[in-house]
Amino acid sequence: GPVREGTTYRQSMRHPLGFKVSTDYVLTAFERPRTLSFQATSGGPLRPQGTFDLTPVDSGTTDVRYSLRYRPRGLGWLAAPFLPIAGLLFRRQTSSLGKAKEVIEAR
């Protein structure tokens, strides 16, 4: 169906330690062609929120701003020592910026 707030998707990638990780996400905001925000809903103890903001600069050029937030709750504080590893995982998502732009600008 159409991409909109509430759309869910699954992403699989290789963890820095070598094993495969699958994470489910739900889109929490989608304002074509500028913003796509998501919330992780599965895939481990961390449930980050992220946003892609796209701003046209000139013909054929777009600035992309990617932010990621994590607020530990309950036993999530136990994950604090592992946050540097999580940071590596989520930084790898920047390789998918081309696809994010394609999805946001799709007609």
PDB file of N, CA and C in Angstrom:
ATOM      1  N   GLY A   1       0.818  -1.201   0.000  1.00  0.00           N
ATOM      2  CA  GLY A   1       0.000   0.000   0.000  1.00  0.00           C
ATOM      3  C   GLY A   1       0.851   1.249   0.000  1.00  0.00           C
ATOM      4  N   PRO A   2       0.199   2.391   0.068  1.00  0.00           N
ATOM      5  CA  PRO A   2       0.928   3.652   0.049  1.00  0.00           C
ATOM      6  C   PRO A   2       1.741   3.854   1.335  1.00  0.00           C
ATOM      7  N   VAL A   3       2.854   4.554   1.202  1.00  0.00           N
ATOM      8  CA  VAL A   3       3.671   4.883   2.365  1.00  0.00           C
ATOM      9  C   VAL A   3       3.003   6.045   3.087  1.00  0.00           C
ATOM     10  N   ARG A   4       2.779   5.883   4.390  1.00  0.00           N
ATOM     11  CA  ARG A   4       2.137   6.923   5.197  1.00  0.00           C
ATOM     12  C   ARG A   4       2.441   6.670   6.661  1.00  0.00           C
ATOM     13  N   GLU A   5       2.068   7.613   7.503  1.00  0.00           N
ATOM     14  CA  GLU A   5       2.230   7.419   8.934  1.00  0.00           C
ATOM     15  C   GLU A   5       1.518   6.128   9.333  1.00  0.00           C
ATOM     16  N   GLY A   6       2.185   5.295  10.124  1.00  0.00           N
ATOM     17  CA  GLY A   6       1.627   4.012  10.530  1.00  0.00           C
ATOM     18  C   GLY A   6       2.126   2.837   9.696  1.00  0.00           C
ATOM     19  N   THR A   7       2.737   3.104   8.530  1.00  0.00           N
ATOM     20  CA  THR A   7       3.302   2.037   7.698  1.00  0.00           C
ATOM     21  C   THR A   7       4.413   1.344   8.473  1.00  0.00           C
ATOM     22  N   THR A   8       4.461   0.017   8.389  1.00  0.00           N
ATOM     23  CA  THR A   8       5.505  -0.745   9.067  1.00  0.00           C
ATOM     24  C   THR A   8       6.407  -1.402   8.029  1.00  0.00           C
ATOM     25  N   TYR A   9       7.649  -1.604   8.406  1.00  0.00           N
ATOM     26  CA  TYR A   9       8.576  -2.311   7.537  1.00  0.00           C
ATOM     27  C   TYR A   9       9.629  -2.994   8.383  1.00  0.00           C
ATOM     28  N   ARG A  10      10.351  -3.930   7.777  1.00  0.00           N
ATOM     29  CA  ARG A  10      11.403  -4.696   8.445  1.00  0.00           C
ATOM     30  C   ARG A  10      12.715  -4.450   7.716  1.00  0.00           C
ATOM     31  N   GLN A  11      13.764  -4.274   8.505  1.00  0.00           N
ATOM     32  CA  GLN A  11      15.105  -4.097   7.961  1.00  0.00           C
ATOM     33  C   GLN A  11      15.998  -5.185   8.533  1.00  0.00           C
ATOM     34  N   SER A  12      16.761  -5.828   7.674  1.00  0.00           N
ATOM     35  CA  SER A  12      17.742  -6.827   8.115  1.00  0.00           C
ATOM     36  C   SER A  12      19.121  -6.339   7.740  1.00  0.00           C
ATOM     37  N   MET A  13      20.050  -6.479   8.669  1.00  0.00           N
ATOM     38  CA  MET A  13      21.431  -6.091   8.390  1.00  0.00           C
ATOM     39  C   MET A  13      22.372  -6.935   9.227  1.00  0.00           C
ATOM     40  N   ARG A  14      23.629  -6.854   8.889  1.00  0.00           N
ATOM     41  CA  ARG A  14      24.664  -7.588   9.592  1.00  0.00           C
ATOM     42  C   ARG A  14      25.131  -6.761  10.783  1.00  0.00           C
ATOM     43  N   HIS A  15      25.071  -7.333  11.984  1.00  0.00           N
ATOM     44  CA  HIS A  15      25.547  -6.696  13.211  1.00  0.00           C
ATOM     45  C   HIS A  15      27.066  -6.566  13.139  1.00  0.00           C
ATOM     46  N   PRO A  16      27.670  -5.541  13.786  1.00  0.00           N
ATOM     47  CA  PRO A  16      29.133  -5.426  13.757  1.00  0.00           C
ATOM     48  C   PRO A  16      29.851  -6.676  14.272  1.00  0.00           C
ATOM     49  N   LEU A  17      29.175  -7.484  15.095  1.00  0.00           N
ATOM     50  CA  LEU A  17      29.783  -8.718  15.589  1.00  0.00           C
ATOM     51  C   LEU A  17      29.575  -9.897  14.645  1.00  0.00           C
ATOM     52  N   GLY A  18      28.916  -9.655  13.484  1.00  0.00           N
ATOM     53  CA  GLY A  18      28.828 -10.672  12.455  1.00  0.00           C
ATOM     54  C   GLY A  18      27.510 -11.389  12.289  1.00  0.00           C
ATOM     55  N   PHE A  19      26.592 -11.295  13.238  1.00  0.00           N
ATOM     56  CA  PHE A  19      25.324 -12.007  13.075  1.00  0.00           C
ATOM     57  C   PHE A  19      24.265 -11.095  12.451  1.00  0.00           C
ATOM     58  N   LYS A  20      23.201 -11.706  11.914  1.00  0.00           N
ATOM     59  CA  LYS A  20      22.140 -10.968  11.242  1.00  0.00           C
ATOM     60  C   LYS A  20      21.131 -10.454  12.275  1.00  0.00           C
ATOM     61  N   VAL A  21      20.685  -9.212  12.094  1.00  0.00           N
ATOM     62  CA  VAL A  21      19.706  -8.593  12.981  1.00  0.00           C
ATOM     63  C   VAL A  21      18.542  -8.101  12.130  1.00  0.00           C
ATOM     64  N   SER A  22      17.329  -8.429  12.531  1.00  0.00           N
ATOM     65  CA  SER A  22      16.128  -7.913  11.878  1.00  0.00           C
ATOM     66  C   SER A  22      15.409  -7.000  12.866  1.00  0.00           C
ATOM     67  N   THR A  23      14.989  -5.853  12.375  1.00  0.00           N
ATOM     68  CA  THR A  23      14.295  -4.890  13.213  1.00  0.00           C
ATOM     69  C   THR A  23      13.039  -4.431  12.499  1.00  0.00           C
ATOM     70  N   ASP A  24      11.932  -4.347  13.236  1.00  0.00           N
ATOM     71  CA  ASP A  24      10.690  -3.815  12.701  1.00  0.00           C
ATOM     72  C   ASP A  24      10.579  -2.349  13.086  1.00  0.00           C
ATOM     73  N   TYR A  25      10.046  -1.539  12.165  1.00  0.00           N
ATOM     74  CA  TYR A  25       9.876  -0.113  12.368  1.00  0.00           C
ATOM     75  C   TYR A  25       8.456   0.281  11.998  1.00  0.00           C
ATOM     76  N   VAL A  26       7.969   1.353  12.602  1.00  0.00           N
ATOM     77  CA  VAL A  26       6.709   1.967  12.202  1.00  0.00           C
ATOM     78  C   VAL A  26       7.012   3.428  11.882  1.00  0.00           C
ATOM     79  N   LEU A  27       6.435   3.928  10.796  1.00  0.00           N
ATOM     80  CA  LEU A  27       6.616   5.336  10.446  1.00  0.00           C
ATOM     81  C   LEU A  27       5.747   6.176  11.377  1.00  0.00           C
ATOM     82  N   THR A  28       6.367   7.123  12.055  1.00  0.00           N
ATOM     83  CA  THR A  28       5.639   7.980  12.994  1.00  0.00           C
ATOM     84  C   THR A  28       5.315   9.337  12.383  1.00  0.00           C
ATOM     85  N   ALA A  29       5.976   9.681  11.291  1.00  0.00           N
ATOM     86  CA  ALA A  29       5.671  10.902  10.541  1.00  0.00           C
ATOM     87  C   ALA A  29       6.137  10.693   9.110  1.00  0.00           C
ATOM     88  N   PHE A  30       5.357  11.191   8.184  1.00  0.00           N
ATOM     89  CA  PHE A  30       5.731  11.107   6.777  1.00  0.00           C
ATOM     90  C   PHE A  30       5.130  12.306   6.073  1.00  0.00           C
ATOM     91  N   GLU A  31       5.986  13.248   5.712  1.00  0.00           N
ATOM     92  CA  GLU A  31       5.561  14.461   5.025  1.00  0.00           C
ATOM     93  C   GLU A  31       6.341  14.556   3.727  1.00  0.00           C
ATOM     94  N   ARG A  32       5.775  14.008   2.679  1.00  0.00           N
ATOM     95  CA  ARG A  32       6.417  13.967   1.379  1.00  0.00           C
ATOM     96  C   ARG A  32       6.595  15.370   0.838  1.00  0.00           C
ATOM     97  N   PRO A  33       7.695  15.750   0.313  1.00  0.00           N
ATOM     98  CA  PRO A  33       8.940  15.012   0.119  1.00  0.00           C
ATOM     99  C   PRO A  33      10.024  15.423   1.118  1.00  0.00           C
ATOM    100  N   ARG A  34       9.673  15.825   2.314  1.00  0.00           N
ATOM    101  CA  ARG A  34      10.649  16.424   3.224  1.00  0.00           C
ATOM    102  C   ARG A  34      11.056  15.579   4.434  1.00  0.00           C
ATOM    103  N   THR A  35      10.129  14.848   5.050  1.00  0.00           N
ATOM    104  CA  THR A  35      10.419  14.221   6.341  1.00  0.00           C
ATOM    105  C   THR A  35       9.898  12.794   6.411  1.00  0.00           C
ATOM    106  N   LEU A  36      10.709  11.927   7.008  1.00  0.00           N
ATOM    107  CA  LEU A  36      10.307  10.562   7.316  1.00  0.00           C
ATOM    108  C   LEU A  36      10.852  10.262   8.716  1.00  0.00           C
ATOM    109  N   SER A  37       9.951   9.958   9.669  1.00  0.00           N
ATOM    110  CA  SER A  37      10.361   9.610  11.033  1.00  0.00           C
ATOM    111  C   SER A  37       9.879   8.207  11.341  1.00  0.00           C
ATOM    112  N   PHE A  38      10.647   7.501  12.182  1.00  0.00           N
ATOM    113  CA  PHE A  38      10.314   6.119  12.497  1.00  0.00           C
ATOM    114  C   PHE A  38      10.601   5.811  13.965  1.00  0.00           C
ATOM    115  N   GLN A  39      10.016   4.709  14.421  1.00  0.00           N
ATOM    116  CA  GLN A  39      10.239   4.178  15.765  1.00  0.00           C
ATOM    117  C   GLN A  39      10.506   2.688  15.615  1.00  0.00           C
ATOM    118  N   ALA A  40      11.609   2.196  16.190  1.00  0.00           N
ATOM    119  CA  ALA A  40      11.870   0.752  16.180  1.00  0.00           C
ATOM    120  C   ALA A  40      10.894   0.086  17.134  1.00  0.00           C
ATOM    121  N   THR A  41      10.315  -1.038  16.701  1.00  0.00           N
ATOM    122  CA  THR A  41       9.332  -1.744  17.529  1.00  0.00           C
ATOM    123  C   THR A  41       9.772  -3.156  17.901  1.00  0.00           C
ATOM    124  N   SER A  42      10.875  -3.626  17.322  1.00  0.00           N
ATOM    125  CA  SER A  42      11.404  -4.951  17.674  1.00  0.00           C
ATOM    126  C   SER A  42      12.860  -5.004  17.265  1.00  0.00           C
ATOM    127  N   GLY A  43      13.539  -6.092  17.631  1.00  0.00           N
ATOM    128  CA  GLY A  43      14.902  -6.290  17.183  1.00  0.00           C
ATOM    129  C   GLY A  43      15.943  -6.214  18.274  1.00  0.00           C
ATOM    130  N   GLY A  44      15.518  -6.105  19.498  1.00  0.00           N
ATOM    131  CA  GLY A  44      16.473  -6.036  20.600  1.00  0.00           C
ATOM    132  C   GLY A  44      15.976  -5.104  21.677  1.00  0.00           C
ATOM    133  N   PRO A  45      16.789  -4.890  22.697  1.00  0.00           N
ATOM    134  CA  PRO A  45      16.331  -4.081  23.830  1.00  0.00           C
ATOM    135  C   PRO A  45      16.256  -2.586  23.533  1.00  0.00           C
ATOM    136  N   LEU A  46      16.934  -2.113  22.500  1.00  0.00           N
ATOM    137  CA  LEU A  46      16.920  -0.693  22.172  1.00  0.00           C
ATOM    138  C   LEU A  46      15.788  -0.397  21.204  1.00  0.00           C
ATOM    139  N   ARG A  47      15.044   0.664  21.455  1.00  0.00           N
ATOM    140  CA  ARG A  47      13.937   1.069  20.586  1.00  0.00           C
ATOM    141  C   ARG A  47      14.138   2.528  20.173  1.00  0.00           C
ATOM    142  N   PRO A  48      15.114   2.782  19.281  1.00  0.00           N
ATOM    143  CA  PRO A  48      15.404   4.166  18.908  1.00  0.00           C
ATOM    144  C   PRO A  48      14.304   4.781  18.051  1.00  0.00           C
ATOM    145  N   GLN A  49      14.317   6.099  18.010  1.00  0.00           N
ATOM    146  CA  GLN A  49      13.469   6.889  17.124  1.00  0.00           C
ATOM    147  C   GLN A  49      14.404   7.640  16.195  1.00  0.00           C
ATOM    148  N   GLY A  50      14.042   7.717  14.927  1.00  0.00           N
ATOM    149  CA  GLY A  50      14.902   8.409  13.972  1.00  0.00           C
ATOM    150  C   GLY A  50      14.108   9.261  13.015  1.00  0.00           C
ATOM    151  N   THR A  51      14.799  10.220  12.423  1.00  0.00           N
ATOM    152  CA  THR A  51      14.178  11.118  11.447  1.00  0.00           C
ATOM    153  C   THR A  51      15.152  11.411  10.318  1.00  0.00           C
ATOM    154  N   PHE A  52      14.642  11.369   9.096  1.00  0.00           N
ATOM    155  CA  PHE A  52      15.342  11.837   7.913  1.00  0.00           C
ATOM    156  C   PHE A  52      14.667  13.143   7.496  1.00  0.00           C
ATOM    157  N   ASP A  53      15.420  14.237   7.430  1.00  0.00           N
ATOM    158  CA  ASP A  53      14.913  15.514   6.921  1.00  0.00           C
ATOM    159  C   ASP A  53      15.666  15.830   5.642  1.00  0.00           C
ATOM    160  N   LEU A  54      14.926  16.065   4.554  1.00  0.00           N
ATOM    161  CA  LEU A  54      15.529  16.362   3.257  1.00  0.00           C
ATOM    162  C   LEU A  54      15.201  17.798   2.865  1.00  0.00           C
ATOM    163  N   THR A  55      16.234  18.548   2.450  1.00  0.00           N
ATOM    164  CA  THR A  55      16.064  19.939   2.051  1.00  0.00           C
ATOM    165  C   THR A  55      16.733  20.148   0.696  1.00  0.00           C
ATOM    166  N   PRO A  56      15.950  20.502  -0.334  1.00  0.00           N
ATOM    167  CA  PRO A  56      16.548  20.777  -1.637  1.00  0.00           C
ATOM    168  C   PRO A  56      17.485  21.986  -1.540  1.00  0.00           C
ATOM    169  N   VAL A  57      18.673  21.863  -2.138  1.00  0.00           N
ATOM    170  CA  VAL A  57      19.644  22.951  -2.136  1.00  0.00           C
ATOM    171  C   VAL A  57      19.619  23.650  -3.492  1.00  0.00           C
ATOM    172  N   ASP A  58      19.744  22.879  -4.542  1.00  0.00           N
ATOM    173  CA  ASP A  58      19.638  23.397  -5.899  1.00  0.00           C
ATOM    174  C   ASP A  58      19.242  22.223  -6.790  1.00  0.00           C
ATOM    175  N   SER A  59      19.195  22.447  -8.071  1.00  0.00           N
ATOM    176  CA  SER A  59      18.773  21.405  -8.997  1.00  0.00           C
ATOM    177  C   SER A  59      19.629  20.151  -8.842  1.00  0.00           C
ATOM    178  N   GLY A  60      18.993  19.056  -8.441  1.00  0.00           N
ATOM    179  CA  GLY A  60      19.685  17.781  -8.336  1.00  0.00           C
ATOM    180  C   GLY A  60      20.463  17.572  -7.051  1.00  0.00           C
ATOM    181  N   THR A  61      20.410  18.524  -6.108  1.00  0.00           N
ATOM    182  CA  THR A  61      21.153  18.390  -4.862  1.00  0.00           C
ATOM    183  C   THR A  61      20.204  18.513  -3.677  1.00  0.00           C
ATOM    184  N   THR A  62      20.360  17.608  -2.720  1.00  0.00           N
ATOM    185  CA  THR A  62      19.528  17.614  -1.524  1.00  0.00           C
ATOM    186  C   THR A  62      20.407  17.426  -0.300  1.00  0.00           C
ATOM    187  N   ASP A  63      20.197  18.258   0.716  1.00  0.00           N
ATOM    188  CA  ASP A  63      20.850  18.052   2.006  1.00  0.00           C
ATOM    189  C   ASP A  63      20.000  17.068   2.793  1.00  0.00           C
ATOM    190  N   VAL A  64      20.663  16.088   3.422  1.00  0.00           N
ATOM    191  CA  VAL A  64      19.971  15.095   4.224  1.00  0.00           C
ATOM    192  C   VAL A  64      20.467  15.201   5.654  1.00  0.00           C
ATOM    193  N   ARG A  65      19.539  15.337   6.575  1.00  0.00           N
ATOM    194  CA  ARG A  65      19.870  15.351   8.003  1.00  0.00           C
ATOM    195  C   ARG A  65      19.219  14.123   8.627  1.00  0.00           C
ATOM    196  N   TYR A  66      20.034  13.342   9.316  1.00  0.00           N
ATOM    197  CA  TYR A  66      19.562  12.102   9.945  1.00  0.00           C
ATOM    198  C   TYR A  66      19.808  12.225  11.437  1.00  0.00           C
ATOM    199  N   SER A  67      18.777  12.058  12.222  1.00  0.00           N
ATOM    200  CA  SER A  67      18.941  12.090  13.673  1.00  0.00           C
ATOM    201  C   SER A  67      18.381  10.806  14.264  1.00  0.00           C
ATOM    202  N   LEU A  68      18.980  10.389  15.363  1.00  0.00           N
ATOM    203  CA  LEU A  68      18.576   9.163  16.039  1.00  0.00           C
ATOM    204  C   LEU A  68      18.542   9.442  17.536  1.00  0.00           C
ATOM    205  N   ARG A  69      17.445   9.062  18.173  1.00  0.00           N
ATOM    206  CA  ARG A  69      17.276   9.276  19.606  1.00  0.00           C
ATOM    207  C   ARG A  69      16.984   7.954  20.298  1.00  0.00           C
ATOM    208  N   TYR A  70      17.524   7.841  21.495  1.00  0.00           N
ATOM    209  CA  TYR A  70      17.241   6.670  22.320  1.00  0.00           C
ATOM    210  C   TYR A  70      17.106   7.129  23.757  1.00  0.00           C
ATOM    211  N   ARG A  71      15.987   6.812  24.377  1.00  0.00           N
ATOM    212  CA  ARG A  71      15.765   7.123  25.782  1.00  0.00           C
ATOM    213  C   ARG A  71      15.548   5.812  26.530  1.00  0.00           C
ATOM    214  N   PRO A  72      16.556   5.392  27.287  1.00  0.00           N
ATOM    215  CA  PRO A  72      16.403   4.120  28.004  1.00  0.00           C
ATOM    216  C   PRO A  72      15.329   4.213  29.083  1.00  0.00           C
ATOM    217  N   ARG A  73      14.528   3.163  29.191  1.00  0.00           N
ATOM    218  CA  ARG A  73      13.489   3.064  30.215  1.00  0.00           C
ATOM    219  C   ARG A  73      13.597   1.712  30.884  1.00  0.00           C
ATOM    220  N   GLY A  74      13.180   1.644  32.126  1.00  0.00           N
ATOM    221  CA  GLY A  74      13.182   0.376  32.849  1.00  0.00           C
ATOM    222  C   GLY A  74      14.541  -0.290  32.787  1.00  0.00           C
ATOM    223  N   LEU A  75      14.554  -1.543  32.374  1.00  0.00           N
ATOM    224  CA  LEU A  75      15.801  -2.283  32.283  1.00  0.00           C
ATOM    225  C   LEU A  75      16.672  -1.849  31.111  1.00  0.00           C
ATOM    226  N   GLY A  76      16.149  -0.936  30.290  1.00  0.00           N
ATOM    227  CA  GLY A  76      16.932  -0.420  29.169  1.00  0.00           C
ATOM    228  C   GLY A  76      18.216   0.250  29.620  1.00  0.00           C
ATOM    229  N   TRP A  77      18.255   0.720  30.873  1.00  0.00           N
ATOM    230  CA  TRP A  77      19.480   1.319  31.396  1.00  0.00           C
ATOM    231  C   TRP A  77      20.617   0.301  31.427  1.00  0.00           C
ATOM    232  N   LEU A  78      20.277  -0.976  31.506  1.00  0.00           N
ATOM    233  CA  LEU A  78      21.309  -2.013  31.504  1.00  0.00           C
ATOM    234  C   LEU A  78      22.042  -2.071  30.167  1.00  0.00           C
ATOM    235  N   ALA A  79      21.403  -1.545  29.123  1.00  0.00           N
ATOM    236  CA  ALA A  79      22.014  -1.563  27.789  1.00  0.00           C
ATOM    237  C   ALA A  79      23.035  -0.448  27.607  1.00  0.00           C
ATOM    238  N   ALA A  80      23.112   0.489  28.554  1.00  0.00           N
ATOM    239  CA  ALA A  80      23.999   1.654  28.400  1.00  0.00           C
ATOM    240  C   ALA A  80      25.430   1.278  28.008  1.00  0.00           C
ATOM    241  N   PRO A  81      26.044   0.242  28.602  1.00  0.00           N
ATOM    242  CA  PRO A  81      27.412  -0.092  28.192  1.00  0.00           C
ATOM    243  C   PRO A  81      27.527  -0.533  26.727  1.00  0.00           C
ATOM    244  N   PHE A  82      26.412  -0.940  26.118  1.00  0.00           N
ATOM    245  CA  PHE A  82      26.431  -1.438  24.744  1.00  0.00           C
ATOM    246  C   PHE A  82      26.042  -0.375  23.723  1.00  0.00           C
ATOM    247  N   LEU A  83      25.734   0.839  24.174  1.00  0.00           N
ATOM    248  CA  LEU A  83      25.301   1.886  23.252  1.00  0.00           C
ATOM    249  C   LEU A  83      26.343   2.227  22.182  1.00  0.00           C
ATOM    250  N   PRO A  84      27.639   2.180  22.478  1.00  0.00           N
ATOM    251  CA  PRO A  84      28.587   2.415  21.374  1.00  0.00           C
ATOM    252  C   PRO A  84      28.429   1.407  20.238  1.00  0.00           C
ATOM    253  N   ILE A  85      28.149   0.150  20.561  1.00  0.00           N
ATOM    254  CA  ILE A  85      27.913  -0.859  19.519  1.00  0.00           C
ATOM    255  C   ILE A  85      26.633  -0.534  18.771  1.00  0.00           C
ATOM    256  N   ALA A  86      25.594  -0.131  19.507  1.00  0.00           N
ATOM    257  CA  ALA A  86      24.332   0.240  18.862  1.00  0.00           C
ATOM    258  C   ALA A  86      24.552   1.426  17.931  1.00  0.00           C
ATOM    259  N   GLY A  87      25.397   2.364  18.350  1.00  0.00           N
ATOM    260  CA  GLY A  87      25.703   3.505  17.499  1.00  0.00           C
ATOM    261  C   GLY A  87      26.306   3.074  16.177  1.00  0.00           C
ATOM    262  N   LEU A  88      27.184   2.074  16.216  1.00  0.00           N
ATOM    263  CA  LEU A  88      27.757   1.549  14.973  1.00  0.00           C
ATOM    264  C   LEU A  88      26.675   0.969  14.081  1.00  0.00           C
ATOM    265  N   LEU A  89      25.757   0.229  14.671  1.00  0.00           N
ATOM    266  CA  LEU A  89      24.666  -0.363  13.897  1.00  0.00           C
ATOM    267  C   LEU A  89      23.840   0.702  13.201  1.00  0.00           C
ATOM    268  N   PHE A  90      23.428   1.703  13.956  1.00  0.00           N
ATOM    269  CA  PHE A  90      22.534   2.701  13.396  1.00  0.00           C
ATOM    270  C   PHE A  90      23.257   3.635  12.433  1.00  0.00           C
ATOM    271  N   ARG A  91      24.560   3.844  12.604  1.00  0.00           N
ATOM    272  CA  ARG A  91      25.310   4.646  11.647  1.00  0.00           C
ATOM    273  C   ARG A  91      25.347   3.965  10.290  1.00  0.00           C
ATOM    274  N   ARG A  92      25.309   2.641  10.306  1.00  0.00           N
ATOM    275  CA  ARG A  92      25.313   1.912   9.033  1.00  0.00           C
ATOM    276  C   ARG A  92      24.060   2.211   8.224  1.00  0.00           C
ATOM    277  N   GLN A  93      22.998   2.669   8.892  1.00  0.00           N
ATOM    278  CA  GLN A  93      21.773   2.988   8.174  1.00  0.00           C
ATOM    279  C   GLN A  93      21.964   4.139   7.204  1.00  0.00           C
ATOM    280  N   THR A  94      22.958   4.979   7.437  1.00  0.00           N
ATOM    281  CA  THR A  94      23.160   6.102   6.536  1.00  0.00           C
ATOM    282  C   THR A  94      23.450   5.644   5.113  1.00  0.00           C
ATOM    283  N   SER A  95      23.866   4.391   4.961  1.00  0.00           N
ATOM    284  CA  SER A  95      24.092   3.871   3.609  1.00  0.00           C
ATOM    285  C   SER A  95      22.782   3.726   2.846  1.00  0.00           C
ATOM    286  N   SER A  96      21.653   3.782   3.538  1.00  0.00           N
ATOM    287  CA  SER A  96      20.358   3.643   2.876  1.00  0.00           C
ATOM    288  C   SER A  96      19.717   4.996   2.565  1.00  0.00           C
ATOM    289  N   LEU A  97      20.474   6.090   2.651  1.00  0.00           N
ATOM    290  CA  LEU A  97      19.890   7.405   2.410  1.00  0.00           C
ATOM    291  C   LEU A  97      19.327   7.545   1.003  1.00  0.00           C
ATOM    292  N   GLY A  98      19.977   6.933   0.035  1.00  0.00           N
ATOM    293  CA  GLY A  98      19.460   7.002  -1.327  1.00  0.00           C
ATOM    294  C   GLY A  98      18.066   6.415  -1.418  1.00  0.00           C
ATOM    295  N   LYS A  99      17.842   5.305  -0.756  1.00  0.00           N
ATOM    296  CA  LYS A  99      16.517   4.667  -0.754  1.00  0.00           C
ATOM    297  C   LYS A  99      15.507   5.522  -0.016  1.00  0.00           C
ATOM    298  N   ALA A 100      15.905   6.137   1.108  1.00  0.00           N
ATOM    299  CA  ALA A 100      14.992   7.014   1.858  1.00  0.00           C
ATOM    300  C   ALA A 100      14.533   8.163   0.967  1.00  0.00           C
ATOM    301  N   LYS A 101      15.450   8.763   0.253  1.00  0.00           N
ATOM    302  CA  LYS A 101      15.099   9.863  -0.646  1.00  0.00           C
ATOM    303  C   LYS A 101      14.128   9.386  -1.714  1.00  0.00           C
ATOM    304  N   GLU A 102      14.390   8.211  -2.269  1.00  0.00           N
ATOM    305  CA  GLU A 102      13.524   7.640  -3.302  1.00  0.00           C
ATOM    306  C   GLU A 102      12.115   7.429  -2.771  1.00  0.00           C
ATOM    307  N   VAL A 103      11.991   6.885  -1.557  1.00  0.00           N
ATOM    308  CA  VAL A 103      10.675   6.617  -0.965  1.00  0.00           C
ATOM    309  C   VAL A 103       9.949   7.922  -0.697  1.00  0.00           C
ATOM    310  N   ILE A 104      10.645   8.907  -0.120  1.00  0.00           N
ATOM    311  CA  ILE A 104       9.999  10.168   0.237  1.00  0.00           C
ATOM    312  C   ILE A 104       9.547  10.931  -1.007  1.00  0.00           C
ATOM    313  N   GLU A 105      10.344  10.880  -2.065  1.00  0.00           N
ATOM    314  CA  GLU A 105      10.015  11.659  -3.257  1.00  0.00           C
ATOM    315  C   GLU A 105       9.170  10.889  -4.264  1.00  0.00           C
ATOM    316  N   ALA A 106       8.827   9.635  -3.963  1.00  0.00           N
ATOM    317  CA  ALA A 106       8.031   8.816  -4.889  1.00  0.00           C
ATOM    318  C   ALA A 106       6.675   9.499  -5.142  1.00  0.00           C
ATOM    319  N   ARG A 107       6.198   9.331  -6.348  1.00  0.00           N
ATOM    320  CA  ARG A 107       4.908   9.949  -6.688  1.00  0.00           C
ATOM    321  C   ARG A 107       3.831   8.916  -6.756  1.00  0.00           C
TER     322      ARG A 107
END
